[in-house]
């Protein structure tokens, strides 16, 4: 049985915004290894559209960026969306009930499956489908933006804390 995890870069004040802060080289390589180790990833429309950037090569990429793109392209992906008509390679478009899809996916796979994006993660959280939360806390204060948790969730218990790179602390939680 697979474990569903939610991992996200977040500011000190609880916002996510890939344009306003970025991982350093160490954290970027960590994310590449993380993606390589996943059994798959579940996206909503918005996060999938952001991440599909990695489907097309960019001549300006360095070796680290090419390595991430390769890992992401090889990763099985499922996109839960009622607005998209099609998705890219190695990606399945899902238009069914989130809960039944996630429970079936969890039962049919092993390892870790990530759920990506705060809006989709909130839906999974409300259904009790997230087994582990990994919050990559950056030393920035944004003051506004998309909140990591757009509403209340379950009580959590801290199970690990790790420093990754020069500035980021990863806090790992499970439902209490």
Protein backbone atom coordinates (compact mmCIF):
# COMPACT_ATOMS: atom_id res chain seq x y z
CA UNK A 1 0.00 0.00 0.00
CA UNK A 2 1.34 3.43 -0.97
CA UNK A 3 1.71 6.36 1.39
CA UNK A 4 0.33 9.73 0.24
CA UNK A 5 2.57 12.64 1.13
CA UNK A 6 2.24 16.39 0.76
CA UNK A 7 5.50 18.30 0.49
CA UNK A 8 5.79 21.99 -0.34
CA UNK A 9 8.15 24.95 -0.13
CA UNK A 10 6.63 27.51 2.22
CA UNK A 11 7.53 30.93 3.61
CA UNK A 12 7.84 31.56 7.34
CA UNK A 13 4.40 33.16 7.29
CA UNK A 14 2.75 30.21 5.55
CA UNK A 15 2.56 31.18 1.87
CA UNK A 16 3.63 29.33 -1.27
CA UNK A 17 4.86 31.14 -4.35
CA UNK A 18 7.39 29.60 -6.71
CA UNK A 19 8.09 33.02 -8.27
CA UNK A 20 8.95 34.82 -5.01
CA UNK A 21 11.50 32.39 -3.56
CA UNK A 22 13.41 29.47 -4.99
CA UNK A 23 15.45 26.57 -3.67
CA UNK A 24 19.22 26.83 -3.45
CA UNK A 25 21.36 24.23 -5.29
CA UNK A 26 21.32 21.74 -2.41
CA UNK A 27 17.54 21.89 -2.00
CA UNK A 28 17.04 21.70 -5.77
CA UNK A 29 19.10 18.49 -5.88
CA UNK A 30 17.14 17.19 -2.88
CA UNK A 31 13.88 17.73 -4.80
CA UNK A 32 15.35 15.86 -7.80
CA UNK A 33 16.20 12.86 -5.61
CA UNK A 34 12.76 13.09 -4.00
CA UNK A 35 11.03 12.96 -7.39
CA UNK A 36 13.23 10.02 -8.47
CA UNK A 37 12.09 8.10 -5.40
CA UNK A 38 8.35 8.63 -5.84
CA UNK A 39 5.95 6.03 -7.17
CA UNK A 40 3.90 8.85 -8.71
CA UNK A 41 2.48 12.30 -8.20
CA UNK A 42 -1.05 13.72 -8.15
CA UNK A 43 -1.66 17.25 -9.40
CA UNK A 44 -4.53 19.68 -9.67
CA UNK A 45 -4.89 21.84 -12.76
CA UNK A 46 -2.90 24.86 -11.53
CA UNK A 47 0.10 23.01 -10.14
CA UNK A 48 0.22 20.70 -13.15
CA UNK A 49 0.29 23.68 -15.50
CA UNK A 50 3.22 25.13 -13.53
CA UNK A 51 5.12 21.83 -13.43
CA UNK A 52 4.53 20.98 -17.10
CA UNK A 53 7.28 23.52 -17.75
CA UNK A 54 9.63 20.53 -17.26
CA UNK A 55 8.18 18.70 -20.29
CA UNK A 56 10.02 20.94 -22.76
CA UNK A 57 13.81 21.23 -22.83
CA UNK A 58 15.34 24.64 -22.29
CA UNK A 59 18.81 25.32 -23.74
CA UNK A 60 19.61 27.51 -20.70
CA UNK A 61 19.27 24.61 -18.24
CA UNK A 62 22.31 23.41 -16.36
CA UNK A 63 22.93 19.76 -15.46
CA UNK A 64 20.82 20.00 -12.29
CA UNK A 65 17.82 21.34 -14.20
CA UNK A 66 18.14 18.66 -16.88
CA UNK A 67 18.34 15.99 -14.15
CA UNK A 68 15.15 17.28 -12.54
CA UNK A 69 13.36 17.40 -15.90
CA UNK A 70 14.37 13.80 -16.60
CA UNK A 71 13.14 12.63 -13.20
CA UNK A 72 9.86 14.53 -13.58
CA UNK A 73 9.22 13.19 -17.06
CA UNK A 74 9.74 9.59 -15.92
CA UNK A 75 7.41 10.00 -12.95
CA UNK A 76 3.87 8.64 -13.41
CA UNK A 77 1.50 11.56 -12.93
CA UNK A 78 -2.24 11.87 -12.42
CA UNK A 79 -4.00 15.19 -12.91
CA UNK A 80 -7.37 15.73 -11.27
CA UNK A 81 -9.10 18.30 -13.43
CA UNK A 82 -12.49 19.07 -14.90
CA UNK A 83 -11.10 21.91 -17.03
CA UNK A 84 -8.19 20.27 -18.85
CA UNK A 85 -8.96 18.36 -22.05
CA UNK A 86 -5.52 16.73 -22.33
CA UNK A 87 -2.23 16.35 -20.49
CA UNK A 88 1.38 15.69 -21.42
CA UNK A 89 3.48 12.53 -21.52
CA UNK A 90 3.37 9.95 -18.73
CA UNK A 91 0.30 11.69 -17.32
CA UNK A 92 -3.26 10.45 -16.84
CA UNK A 93 -6.18 12.87 -16.67
CA UNK A 94 -8.61 12.01 -13.85
CA UNK A 95 -12.18 13.28 -13.89
CA UNK A 96 -13.64 11.04 -11.20
CA UNK A 97 -14.31 11.35 -7.48
CA UNK A 98 -11.09 12.29 -5.67
CA UNK A 99 -11.63 10.03 -2.69
CA UNK A 100 -12.32 6.82 -4.59
CA UNK A 101 -9.48 7.56 -7.02
CA UNK A 102 -6.98 8.20 -4.21
CA UNK A 103 -8.00 5.13 -2.21
CA UNK A 104 -7.70 2.92 -5.30
CA UNK A 105 -4.34 4.46 -6.22
CA UNK A 106 -3.05 3.95 -2.69
CA UNK A 107 -4.17 0.31 -2.68
CA UNK A 108 -2.71 -0.50 -6.12
CA UNK A 109 0.75 1.03 -5.57
CA UNK A 110 3.62 0.88 -3.11
CA UNK A 111 6.09 3.53 -2.00
CA UNK A 112 5.26 7.20 -1.84
CA UNK A 113 2.81 9.14 -3.96
CA UNK A 114 2.92 12.90 -3.64
CA UNK A 115 -0.05 15.22 -3.82
CA UNK A 116 1.08 18.60 -5.14
CA UNK A 117 -0.40 22.04 -4.64
CA UNK A 118 -2.16 23.56 -1.64
CA UNK A 119 -5.69 23.53 -3.09
CA UNK A 120 -5.60 19.85 -4.03
CA UNK A 121 -3.82 18.97 -0.79
CA UNK A 122 -6.64 20.69 1.14
CA UNK A 123 -9.16 18.38 -0.55
CA UNK A 124 -7.03 15.36 0.34
CA UNK A 125 -6.56 16.67 3.88
CA UNK A 126 -10.30 17.12 4.37
CA UNK A 127 -10.83 13.49 3.29
CA UNK A 128 -8.12 12.20 5.64
CA UNK A 129 -5.99 10.96 2.73
CA UNK A 130 -2.60 12.53 3.57
CA UNK A 131 -0.30 10.24 5.52
CA UNK A 132 2.61 12.67 5.89
CA UNK A 133 3.25 16.40 5.52
CA UNK A 134 6.73 17.72 4.61
CA UNK A 135 7.00 21.47 4.96
CA UNK A 136 10.16 23.01 3.50
CA UNK A 137 10.30 26.28 5.43
CA UNK A 138 12.26 29.11 3.79
CA UNK A 139 13.50 32.17 5.73
CA UNK A 140 11.33 34.65 3.86
CA UNK A 141 8.21 36.53 4.86
CA UNK A 142 5.87 37.12 1.93
CA UNK A 143 2.99 38.85 3.70
CA UNK A 144 0.49 37.66 1.10
CA UNK A 145 -0.15 35.09 -1.58
CA UNK A 146 -1.51 31.57 -1.72
CA UNK A 147 -1.66 30.06 1.77
CA UNK A 148 -0.12 26.64 2.27
CA UNK A 149 -3.22 25.60 4.18
CA UNK A 150 -6.33 27.40 2.90
CA UNK A 151 -8.43 26.51 5.93
CA UNK A 152 -8.32 24.32 9.01
CA UNK A 153 -6.98 20.80 8.94
CA UNK A 154 -6.25 17.89 11.25
CA UNK A 155 -4.09 18.07 14.32
CA UNK A 156 -0.53 17.07 13.38
CA UNK A 157 2.40 15.53 15.22
CA UNK A 158 6.02 16.47 14.41
CA UNK A 159 8.09 13.37 13.60
CA UNK A 160 11.26 14.86 12.07
CA UNK A 161 13.11 18.08 11.42
CA UNK A 162 16.00 18.38 9.00
CA UNK A 163 18.12 21.19 7.63
CA UNK A 164 18.42 21.04 3.85
CA UNK A 165 20.84 23.37 2.16
CA UNK A 166 21.91 26.59 3.77
CA UNK A 167 18.58 28.03 4.80
CA UNK A 168 15.68 25.56 4.66
CA UNK A 169 14.27 23.51 7.50
CA UNK A 170 12.07 20.54 6.55
CA UNK A 171 9.45 19.77 9.16
CA UNK A 172 7.79 16.37 8.80
CA UNK A 173 4.38 15.81 10.36
CA UNK A 174 1.84 13.00 10.49
CA UNK A 175 -1.81 13.22 11.54
CA UNK A 176 -1.99 13.07 15.36
